[in-house]
Amino acid sequence: MACYGYNRGYPRPGENIFNPQLPFKAPIEGGVYEGRTVSISGYVSGGCDSFYINVITDEGGETLAMHFNPRFGEGKVVLNSLIDGEWGEEERPDVFPFEQNNQFDMTITFREKGYKIKVNGQKIKFASRYDMYSASWIEVGGDIDVQTIRYGGGDDLNQGYQPPPPLVEAPSFAQPDASNRGMIKNPVIPYNGKIYGGIEPGKMILIQGYAHPDADKLTFNLQSIHEDIGLHFDVRFDSQQVVRNTYIQGDWGGEEDHGDFPFKRAAAFEVIINAEDDCYKIAVNGRHFTEFYYRMDRDDADRIQITGDVTIGCIRVSGGKSLYNNDVPNEYTEGIPGGLRDGKLIFMSGIPNPRPSRFSLNLQCGDFPESDIALHFNPRFDCEEVVRNTRVDGGWPEEERDQPYFPFRPNHPFDIVIRCAPGEFQIFVNGDHFCNFAHRLADFDCMDTLKVEGDVEITHVRVV
């Protein structure tokens, strides 16, 4: 899974939830207030009979302040409420903004007098029948695929925010395996864990978190078992400084505090610490921030400590290449059960390297050097173009390059959804329709492999 994606349904304010499993149920963290929004992007399957989106009071779901229920057999959206075990009077607006085999984008805006709903540009209203502030959970289910759920609502988005309880104990990196790929999710703060393999050139530590609205400071330490600190990274909100230092044999070294202040209270952040031959290179929120040259033996720092006014969503440790060096590409291969056929959906999440050249996503026949490729999807960062093509008998026909925009950014997460539709592939990036690509190969039965290569790390794949 992507670090900031679906996480047992408990999002943080402003966090995007990617590809949640349905049925989905979660609190709207930060509470509900005037102007609060919940935006849902998804895809209605061809066989969809109905689905539902409920605004409920709690996890039990016994009170539905709003029940939103598109019914395709009737061609109607039914709205209702369930209060004290009794259904109210149904409302059936004149508009039906959904289509089977099609994408939808929906936003629910919470108002004192009720809910304003906008779906694919069409508006629906539902007058409040229950205290708006008491109904602060969202529930989604039915015959759809949800790509993203996003929370918004203005500057007071984090009003009343309390971080959710940790979902897992804080484990160590001492025994990583293929299932977690060196990833720790929702560690208890303060956190102190071992870095498997220690610090070596090419080792990368990625930390994604959320600074609390009243944050005073947050600190990341790379330290030894004897508590010597090779890198003290201290974010101080009051003085708007990020102080770097070492602590060796009981003494602090000289502080370094040059540079801007890229952190904000009540906001998500991402820090990447990359070990080079002579220094740590540090990036914050996708931009190079600073270098910190080693003052103690790099190999002695084999633990990471995190403290302060922060909720951490993910810590990921990887190695084998420097993120500041694109000479060694990644490669990922996944089988497509049953091969490609109409209605097949492929969900993929990833993060391009900080200095990417290009990567490619191929839907192909097996994993061979000259495999036929039904869809070659090739983002190129140097020219900011996404090239689409096929490969047949070792040859490449004419490329397609037309695009509404270039949706990828270095070191920024992305989500791609590919739908195999009759006559074409329909491709969505970050919840928006990006392009279609007409089928050029007649035999799809053998197209049973997804292969990704290049300057990208794949964090999640789902084939349905």
Protein backbone atom coordinates (compact mmCIF):
# COMPACT_ATOMS: atom_id res chain seq x y z
CA MET A 1 0.00 0.00 0.00
CA ALA A 2 0.96 3.50 -0.45
CA CYS A 3 2.07 5.16 2.74
CA TYR A 4 -0.67 7.77 2.66
CA GLY A 5 -3.49 5.66 1.41
CA TYR A 6 -6.15 3.37 2.79
CA ASN A 7 -5.17 2.38 6.30
CA ARG A 8 -7.91 0.37 7.95
CA GLY A 9 -10.15 3.28 7.08
CA TYR A 10 -8.76 5.78 9.57
CA PRO A 11 -7.53 8.81 7.61
CA ARG A 12 -5.98 11.96 8.92
CA PRO A 13 -7.30 15.42 8.01
CA GLY A 14 -6.55 16.36 4.42
CA GLU A 15 -5.23 12.89 3.64
CA ASN A 16 -6.20 11.18 0.40
CA ILE A 17 -7.39 7.59 0.70
CA PHE A 18 -6.42 5.54 -2.33
CA ASN A 19 -8.26 2.45 -3.59
CA PRO A 20 -10.06 1.51 -0.35
CA GLN A 21 -11.52 -1.95 -0.05
CA LEU A 22 -15.33 -1.88 0.08
CA PRO A 23 -17.35 -1.80 2.22
CA PHE A 24 -15.43 1.17 3.64
CA LYS A 25 -16.25 2.87 6.93
CA ALA A 26 -14.23 5.59 8.68
CA PRO A 27 -14.54 8.60 10.95
CA ILE A 28 -14.19 12.01 9.34
CA GLU A 29 -11.24 13.01 11.50
CA GLY A 30 -11.32 16.63 12.58
CA GLY A 31 -15.09 16.49 12.85
CA VAL A 32 -17.89 17.93 10.76
CA TYR A 33 -18.57 21.66 10.48
CA GLU A 34 -20.08 24.20 8.13
CA GLY A 35 -18.38 23.93 4.73
CA ARG A 36 -16.73 20.55 5.36
CA THR A 37 -16.39 18.50 2.16
CA VAL A 38 -15.94 14.83 1.31
CA SER A 39 -15.00 14.11 -2.32
CA ILE A 40 -15.21 10.63 -3.81
CA SER A 41 -13.87 9.54 -7.21
CA GLY A 42 -14.76 6.11 -8.48
CA TYR A 43 -15.81 3.83 -11.30
CA VAL A 44 -19.23 2.19 -11.77
CA SER A 45 -18.94 -1.38 -13.02
CA GLY A 46 -20.98 -2.66 -15.94
CA GLY A 47 -23.00 -5.00 -13.74
CA CYS A 48 -23.69 -2.45 -11.01
CA ASP A 49 -27.23 -2.65 -9.65
CA SER A 50 -26.78 -0.12 -6.84
CA PHE A 51 -24.33 1.33 -4.35
CA TYR A 52 -24.58 3.53 -1.28
CA ILE A 53 -22.81 6.38 0.46
CA ASN A 54 -23.94 6.98 4.03
CA VAL A 55 -23.20 9.74 6.52
CA ILE A 56 -23.51 8.01 9.90
CA THR A 57 -23.11 8.82 13.58
CA ASP A 58 -20.66 6.12 14.63
CA GLU A 59 -19.00 2.86 13.68
CA GLY A 60 -22.16 0.91 14.48
CA GLY A 61 -24.01 2.77 11.75
CA GLU A 62 -27.40 2.53 13.44
CA THR A 63 -28.25 6.17 12.64
CA LEU A 64 -27.95 7.35 9.04
CA ALA A 65 -28.13 11.12 8.80
CA MET A 66 -27.99 10.74 5.01
CA HIS A 67 -28.43 7.62 2.90
CA PHE A 68 -27.42 8.23 -0.75
CA ASN A 69 -28.41 5.25 -2.90
CA PRO A 70 -28.14 5.27 -6.74
CA ARG A 71 -30.32 2.47 -8.19
CA PHE A 72 -29.54 1.66 -11.81
CA GLY A 73 -32.56 -0.56 -12.38
CA GLU A 74 -34.82 2.38 -11.57
CA GLY A 75 -32.54 5.11 -12.91
CA LYS A 76 -33.01 7.01 -9.66
CA VAL A 77 -30.97 8.27 -6.74
CA VAL A 78 -32.83 7.54 -3.52
CA LEU A 79 -32.04 9.71 -0.48
CA ASN A 80 -33.28 8.98 3.00
CA SER A 81 -32.40 8.87 6.70
CA LEU A 82 -32.57 6.17 9.36
CA ILE A 83 -33.20 7.60 12.84
CA ASP A 84 -34.17 5.60 15.94
CA GLY A 85 -34.59 2.53 13.78
CA GLU A 86 -37.13 4.16 11.47
CA TRP A 87 -36.62 5.05 7.81
CA GLY A 88 -37.87 8.47 6.82
CA GLU A 89 -39.59 9.50 3.62
CA GLU A 90 -37.61 8.78 0.48
CA GLU A 91 -36.52 11.60 -1.81
CA ARG A 92 -35.93 10.92 -5.51
CA PRO A 93 -34.43 13.90 -7.35
CA ASP A 94 -34.99 14.30 -11.09
CA VAL A 95 -31.30 13.95 -12.00
CA PHE A 96 -29.42 10.64 -12.29
CA PRO A 97 -25.75 11.57 -12.89
CA PHE A 98 -24.27 8.05 -12.98
CA GLU A 99 -23.60 5.65 -15.87
CA GLN A 100 -22.44 2.05 -15.80
CA ASN A 101 -18.92 1.46 -17.15
CA ASN A 102 -18.07 5.07 -16.37
CA GLN A 103 -16.12 7.25 -13.98
CA PHE A 104 -17.79 9.58 -11.47
CA ASP A 105 -16.61 12.45 -9.27
CA MET A 106 -18.77 13.39 -6.32
CA THR A 107 -18.48 16.03 -3.58
CA ILE A 108 -20.64 16.22 -0.46
CA THR A 109 -20.63 19.63 1.22
CA PHE A 110 -21.91 19.80 4.80
CA ARG A 111 -24.20 22.77 5.46
CA GLU A 112 -26.19 23.77 8.54
CA LYS A 113 -29.47 23.19 6.68
CA GLY A 114 -28.43 20.03 4.90
CA TYR A 115 -26.12 18.39 2.38
CA LYS A 116 -25.17 19.81 -1.01
CA ILE A 117 -24.10 17.06 -3.39
CA LYS A 118 -22.45 17.53 -6.76
CA VAL A 119 -21.88 14.57 -9.10
CA ASN A 120 -20.23 15.04 -12.50
CA GLY A 121 -21.42 18.65 -12.53
CA GLN A 122 -25.03 17.89 -11.53
CA LYS A 123 -26.41 19.13 -8.21
CA ILE A 124 -28.54 17.35 -5.61
CA LYS A 125 -29.72 18.64 -2.21
CA PHE A 126 -30.85 16.79 0.90
CA ALA A 127 -32.27 18.74 3.83
CA SER A 128 -30.85 17.89 7.24
CA ARG A 129 -33.02 15.62 9.42
CA TYR A 130 -30.43 15.04 12.14
CA ASP A 131 -27.80 17.09 13.97
CA MET A 132 -25.07 17.61 11.39
CA TYR A 133 -22.30 17.73 14.00
CA SER A 134 -23.23 14.34 15.44
CA ALA A 135 -22.93 12.49 12.14
CA SER A 136 -19.21 12.39 11.47
CA TRP A 137 -18.54 9.00 9.84
CA ILE A 138 -18.63 8.08 6.15
CA GLU A 139 -19.61 4.65 4.79
CA VAL A 140 -19.35 3.44 1.18
CA GLY A 141 -20.37 0.11 -0.33
CA GLY A 142 -21.82 -1.61 -3.40
CA ASP A 143 -20.85 -2.49 -6.95
CA ILE A 144 -18.28 0.25 -7.57
CA ASP A 145 -14.53 0.75 -7.37
CA VAL A 146 -13.49 3.80 -5.36
CA GLN A 147 -10.19 5.36 -6.41
CA THR A 148 -9.88 8.24 -3.94
CA ILE A 149 -11.68 9.74 -0.96
CA ARG A 150 -10.55 13.27 -0.12
CA TYR A 151 -11.43 15.55 2.78
CA GLY A 152 -11.52 19.33 2.57
CA GLY A 153 -13.27 22.33 3.94
CA GLY A 154 -11.18 25.47 4.30
CA ASP A 155 -8.62 26.80 6.75
CA ASP A 156 -10.32 25.23 9.76
CA LEU A 157 -9.96 21.75 8.30
CA ASN A 158 -8.24 20.48 11.41
CA GLN A 159 -10.58 22.09 13.91
CA GLY A 160 -10.90 19.84 16.92
CA TYR A 161 -8.46 17.29 15.52
CA GLN A 162 -7.22 14.54 17.80
CA PRO A 163 -4.91 11.94 16.25
CA PRO A 164 -6.42 8.46 16.02
CA PRO A 165 -5.01 5.69 18.19
CA PRO A 166 -2.14 3.73 16.66
CA LEU A 167 -3.36 0.83 14.57
CA VAL A 168 -0.31 -1.39 15.11
CA GLU A 169 2.45 -1.65 17.64
CA ALA A 170 5.74 -0.07 16.62
CA PRO A 171 7.74 -3.02 15.26
CA SER A 172 11.43 -3.10 14.41
CA PHE A 173 13.06 -3.24 11.01
CA ALA A 174 15.13 -6.14 12.34
CA GLN A 175 13.25 -8.80 10.35
CA PRO A 176 11.81 -7.22 7.20
CA ASP A 177 10.09 -9.46 4.70
CA ALA A 178 8.53 -9.25 1.27
CA SER A 179 5.10 -8.44 2.69
CA ASN A 180 6.06 -5.12 4.26
CA ARG A 181 9.08 -4.23 2.11
CA GLY A 182 10.74 -2.39 5.02
CA MET A 183 7.67 -0.33 5.83
CA ILE A 184 6.37 0.65 9.27
CA LYS A 185 2.85 2.08 9.37
CA ASN A 186 1.39 4.20 12.18
CA PRO A 187 4.17 3.70 14.77
CA VAL A 188 3.59 4.75 18.36
CA ILE A 189 5.29 8.09 19.11
CA PRO A 190 7.88 8.31 20.61
CA TYR A 191 9.27 5.68 18.30
CA ASN A 192 12.66 3.97 18.48
CA GLY A 193 13.39 1.21 15.98
CA LYS A 194 16.33 -0.59 14.45
CA ILE A 195 17.37 0.14 10.86
CA TYR A 196 18.03 -3.26 9.33
CA GLY A 197 21.49 -3.35 7.76
CA GLY A 198 22.47 0.00 9.30
CA ILE A 199 23.37 3.12 7.35
CA GLU A 200 25.31 2.64 4.13
CA PRO A 201 25.63 4.57 0.87
CA GLY A 202 22.38 4.32 -1.04
CA LYS A 203 20.29 3.70 2.07
CA MET A 204 17.10 5.77 1.98
CA ILE A 205 14.75 6.58 4.85
CA LEU A 206 11.37 8.06 3.94
CA ILE A 207 9.12 9.47 6.67
CA GLN A 208 5.57 10.66 6.01
CA GLY A 209 3.63 12.30 8.79
CA TYR A 210 1.32 15.01 10.02
CA ALA A 211 2.39 17.90 12.29
CA HIS A 212 -0.27 18.57 14.91
CA PRO A 213 -2.15 21.92 14.84
CA ASP A 214 -0.48 23.00 18.10
CA ALA A 215 2.93 21.49 17.31
CA ASP A 216 5.93 22.98 19.12
CA LYS A 217 8.61 20.68 17.68
CA LEU A 218 9.27 17.31 16.14
CA THR A 219 12.59 15.48 16.01
CA PHE A 220 14.17 12.70 13.94
CA ASN A 221 17.41 11.14 15.24
CA LEU A 222 19.66 8.61 13.52
CA GLN A 223 21.56 7.15 16.44
CA SER A 224 23.61 4.27 17.75
CA ILE A 225 22.69 1.69 20.36
CA HIS A 226 24.83 3.75 22.78
CA GLU A 227 22.60 6.79 22.04
CA ASP A 228 25.23 8.72 20.13
CA ILE A 229 23.35 10.67 17.44
CA GLY A 230 24.79 10.88 13.93
CA LEU A 231 21.97 13.11 12.66
CA HIS A 232 19.70 15.19 14.90
CA PHE A 233 17.00 16.77 12.72
CA ASP A 234 14.99 19.10 14.96
CA VAL A 235 11.96 20.98 13.55
CA ARG A 236 11.15 24.01 15.74
CA PHE A 237 7.87 25.72 14.86
CA ASP A 238 8.14 28.69 17.25
CA SER A 239 11.49 29.86 15.86
CA GLN A 240 10.78 28.58 12.31
CA GLN A 241 14.08 26.68 12.21
CA VAL A 242 15.22 23.20 11.32
CA VAL A 243 18.31 22.56 13.43
CA ARG A 244 20.79 19.79 12.50
CA ASN A 245 23.42 18.52 14.91
CA THR A 246 25.21 15.51 16.42
CA TYR A 247 25.48 14.19 19.97
CA ILE A 248 28.68 12.20 20.53
CA GLN A 249 29.96 10.87 23.86
CA GLY A 250 27.74 13.19 25.83
CA ASP A 251 28.50 16.40 23.91
CA TRP A 252 26.46 18.32 21.35
CA GLY A 253 28.31 19.55 18.29
CA GLY A 254 27.84 22.83 16.45
CA GLU A 255 24.33 23.52 15.21
CA GLU A 256 23.46 24.01 11.55
CA ASP A 257 20.23 25.89 10.85
CA HIS A 258 20.63 27.45 7.39
CA GLY A 259 17.84 27.01 4.87
CA ASP A 260 14.14 27.81 4.71
CA PHE A 261 11.39 26.34 6.90
CA PRO A 262 9.35 23.88 4.80
CA PHE A 263 7.05 22.62 7.58
CA LYS A 264 3.61 23.83 8.66
CA ARG A 265 1.43 23.12 11.63
CA ALA A 266 -1.70 21.09 10.86
CA ALA A 267 -0.17 19.84 7.61
CA ALA A 268 1.23 16.67 6.15
CA PHE A 269 4.92 16.41 5.30
CA GLU A 270 7.41 14.04 3.75
CA VAL A 271 11.11 13.80 4.64
CA ILE A 272 13.64 11.73 2.69
CA ILE A 273 17.08 11.11 4.19
CA ASN A 274 19.48 9.59 1.72
CA ALA A 275 22.92 8.33 2.80
CA GLU A 276 25.75 9.26 0.43
CA ASP A 277 29.47 8.50 0.70
CA ASP A 278 30.23 11.58 2.79
CA CYS A 279 26.91 13.07 3.89
CA TYR A 280 23.17 12.76 4.32
CA LYS A 281 21.17 14.43 1.57
CA ILE A 282 17.78 15.50 2.86
CA ALA A 283 14.67 16.36 0.87
CA VAL A 284 11.44 17.79 2.32
CA ASN A 285 8.12 17.70 0.49
CA GLY A 286 9.73 16.77 -2.80
CA ARG A 287 12.48 19.42 -2.77
CA HIS A 288 16.14 19.13 -1.87
CA PHE A 289 16.58 20.76 1.53
CA THR A 290 20.16 20.34 2.72
CA GLU A 291 23.25 18.18 3.11
CA PHE A 292 24.63 17.19 6.50
CA TYR A 293 28.20 15.87 6.46
CA TYR A 294 29.05 12.93 8.67
CA ARG A 295 30.68 13.75 12.02
CA MET A 296 30.73 10.21 13.43
CA ASP A 297 31.16 6.78 11.91
CA ARG A 298 28.21 6.35 9.58
CA ASP A 299 27.91 2.62 10.32
CA ASP A 300 27.33 3.25 14.04
CA ALA A 301 23.93 4.86 13.40
CA ASP A 302 21.62 1.86 13.12
CA ARG A 303 18.46 3.13 14.83
CA ILE A 304 15.86 5.80 14.11
CA GLN A 305 14.11 7.74 16.87
CA ILE A 306 11.08 10.01 16.32
CA THR A 307 9.61 12.27 19.00
CA GLY A 308 7.43 15.36 19.24
CA ASP A 309 4.02 16.70 18.28
CA VAL A 310 3.53 14.49 15.28
CA THR A 311 1.55 11.57 13.94
CA ILE A 312 3.58 9.33 11.63
CA GLY A 313 1.76 7.52 8.86
CA CYS A 314 4.70 5.62 7.44
CA ILE A 315 8.43 4.99 7.77
CA ARG A 316 10.02 3.22 4.82
CA VAL A 317 13.64 2.09 4.65
CA SER A 318 15.17 0.88 1.41
CA GLY A 319 18.62 0.61 -0.07
CA GLY A 320 20.60 -0.56 -3.05
CA LYS A 321 20.71 2.76 -4.88
CA SER A 322 20.78 6.48 -4.17
CA LEU A 323 17.62 8.42 -4.86
CA TYR A 324 19.90 11.15 -6.18
CA ASN A 325 21.29 8.77 -8.82
CA ASN A 326 19.05 7.44 -11.57
CA ASP A 327 21.58 5.00 -13.05
CA VAL A 328 19.90 1.93 -11.54
CA PRO A 329 16.23 1.58 -12.54
CA ASN A 330 13.61 -0.39 -10.61
CA GLU A 331 11.63 -3.26 -12.08
CA TYR A 332 8.28 -4.70 -10.98
CA THR A 333 6.31 -7.60 -12.49
CA GLU A 334 2.80 -8.74 -11.56
CA GLY A 335 0.61 -11.42 -13.13
CA ILE A 336 -2.87 -10.59 -14.46
CA PRO A 337 -5.09 -13.56 -13.54
CA GLY A 338 -7.12 -14.66 -16.55
CA GLY A 339 -5.39 -12.16 -18.84
CA LEU A 340 -6.93 -8.98 -20.21
CA ARG A 341 -10.65 -8.90 -20.95
CA ASP A 342 -13.43 -6.34 -21.07
CA GLY A 343 -14.11 -4.93 -17.62
CA LYS A 344 -10.68 -5.76 -16.19
CA LEU A 345 -9.39 -3.01 -13.87
CA ILE A 346 -5.77 -2.43 -12.88
CA PHE A 347 -4.99 -0.09 -9.98
CA MET A 348 -1.39 0.99 -9.44
CA SER A 349 0.19 3.45 -7.00
CA GLY A 350 3.81 4.58 -6.98
CA ILE A 351 6.35 7.35 -6.38
CA PRO A 352 8.76 8.56 -9.09
CA ASN A 353 12.36 9.07 -8.01
CA PRO A 354 13.35 12.63 -7.02
CA ARG A 355 15.34 12.98 -10.26
CA PRO A 356 13.53 10.74 -12.74
CA SER A 357 14.12 10.41 -16.46
CA ARG A 358 11.26 8.07 -17.38
CA PHE A 359 9.41 4.93 -16.42
CA SER A 360 7.12 2.59 -18.32
CA LEU A 361 4.05 0.52 -17.55
CA ASN A 362 3.48 -2.38 -19.94
CA LEU A 363 0.53 -4.76 -20.29
CA GLN A 364 2.19 -7.62 -22.12
CA CYS A 365 2.25 -11.29 -23.05
CA GLY A 366 4.50 -12.97 -20.50
CA ASP A 367 7.82 -11.65 -19.24
CA PHE A 368 10.23 -12.09 -22.15
CA PRO A 369 12.71 -9.72 -23.82
CA GLU A 370 10.53 -9.35 -26.96
CA SER A 371 7.06 -9.89 -25.46
CA ASP A 372 4.15 -8.42 -27.39
CA ILE A 373 2.83 -5.37 -25.53
CA ALA A 374 -0.85 -4.37 -25.76
CA LEU A 375 -0.29 -1.08 -23.90
CA HIS A 376 3.03 0.70 -23.38
CA PHE A 377 2.43 3.70 -21.07
CA ASN A 378 5.65 5.71 -20.84
CA PRO A 379 5.89 8.98 -18.81
CA ARG A 380 8.99 10.96 -19.85
CA PHE A 381 10.00 13.70 -17.46
CA ASP A 382 12.56 15.42 -19.68
CA CYS A 383 9.93 16.39 -22.27
CA GLU A 384 6.89 16.10 -19.94
CA GLU A 385 5.07 13.74 -22.27
CA VAL A 386 3.34 10.40 -21.76
CA VAL A 387 3.99 8.19 -24.78
CA ARG A 388 1.56 5.36 -25.56
CA ASN A 389 2.30 2.54 -27.99
CA THR A 390 2.23 -1.20 -28.64
CA ARG A 391 4.93 -3.70 -29.56
CA VAL A 392 4.13 -6.40 -32.10
CA ASP A 393 6.66 -9.01 -33.26
CA GLY A 394 9.47 -6.84 -31.88
CA GLY A 395 8.38 -3.69 -33.71
CA TRP A 396 6.90 -0.44 -32.45
CA PRO A 397 4.07 1.17 -34.51
CA GLU A 398 3.18 4.85 -34.36
CA GLU A 399 3.34 6.55 -30.97
CA GLU A 400 0.52 8.56 -29.41
CA ARG A 401 1.53 11.65 -27.42
CA ASP A 402 -1.53 13.90 -27.22
CA GLN A 403 -2.44 14.65 -23.60
CA PRO A 404 -4.38 17.24 -21.56
CA TYR A 405 -1.42 17.80 -19.20
CA PHE A 406 1.55 15.97 -17.65
CA PRO A 407 0.23 14.47 -14.38
CA PHE A 408 3.47 13.19 -12.82
CA ARG A 409 5.93 14.99 -10.54
CA PRO A 410 9.30 13.83 -9.17
CA ASN A 411 9.03 12.27 -5.72
CA HIS A 412 5.23 12.74 -5.58
CA PRO A 413 2.81 9.80 -5.19
CA PHE A 414 0.49 8.97 -8.07
CA ASP A 415 -2.39 6.61 -8.76
CA ILE A 416 -3.14 5.05 -12.15
CA VAL A 417 -6.30 3.14 -13.01
CA ILE A 418 -6.49 1.28 -16.33
CA ARG A 419 -9.81 -0.14 -17.48
CA CYS A 420 -9.93 -2.60 -20.35
CA ALA A 421 -13.10 -1.45 -22.16
CA PRO A 422 -14.58 -2.67 -25.45
CA GLY A 423 -12.27 -1.37 -28.16
CA GLU A 424 -9.96 0.68 -25.93
CA PHE A 425 -8.05 1.13 -22.71
CA GLN A 426 -9.41 3.93 -20.51
CA ILE A 427 -6.67 5.46 -18.36
CA PHE A 428 -7.18 7.58 -15.24
CA VAL A 429 -4.40 9.34 -13.31
CA ASN A 430 -4.92 10.69 -9.79
CA GLY A 431 -8.67 10.29 -10.08
CA ASP A 432 -9.00 12.18 -13.39
CA HIS A 433 -9.57 10.75 -16.87
CA PHE A 434 -6.28 11.15 -18.72
CA CYS A 435 -6.64 9.41 -22.08
CA ASN A 436 -7.96 6.45 -24.06
CA PHE A 437 -5.84 4.09 -26.14
CA ALA A 438 -7.51 2.02 -28.86
CA HIS A 439 -6.80 -1.70 -28.88
CA ARG A 440 -4.33 -2.63 -31.59
CA LEU A 441 -3.93 -6.35 -30.83
CA ALA A 442 -6.69 -8.87 -31.43
CA ASP A 443 -5.45 -11.61 -29.09
CA PHE A 444 -5.78 -10.45 -25.50
CA ASP A 445 -5.90 -13.89 -23.87
CA CYS A 446 -2.11 -14.06 -23.62
CA MET A 447 -1.77 -10.54 -22.17
CA ASP A 448 -1.25 -11.80 -18.64
CA THR A 449 1.56 -9.64 -17.24
CA LEU A 450 1.94 -6.13 -15.85
CA LYS A 451 5.56 -4.95 -16.00
CA VAL A 452 6.87 -1.63 -14.70
CA GLU A 453 10.43 -0.43 -15.26
CA GLY A 454 12.40 2.75 -14.69
CA ASP A 455 12.74 5.58 -12.21
CA VAL A 456 9.82 4.73 -9.97
CA GLU A 457 8.97 2.76 -6.85
CA ILE A 458 5.69 0.84 -6.99
CA THR A 459 3.83 0.87 -3.67
CA HIS A 460 0.53 -0.83 -4.49
CA VAL A 461 -1.02 -2.92 -7.27
CA ARG A 462 -4.52 -4.38 -7.43
CA VAL A 463 -6.09 -6.25 -10.37
CA VAL A 464 -9.85 -6.88 -10.41
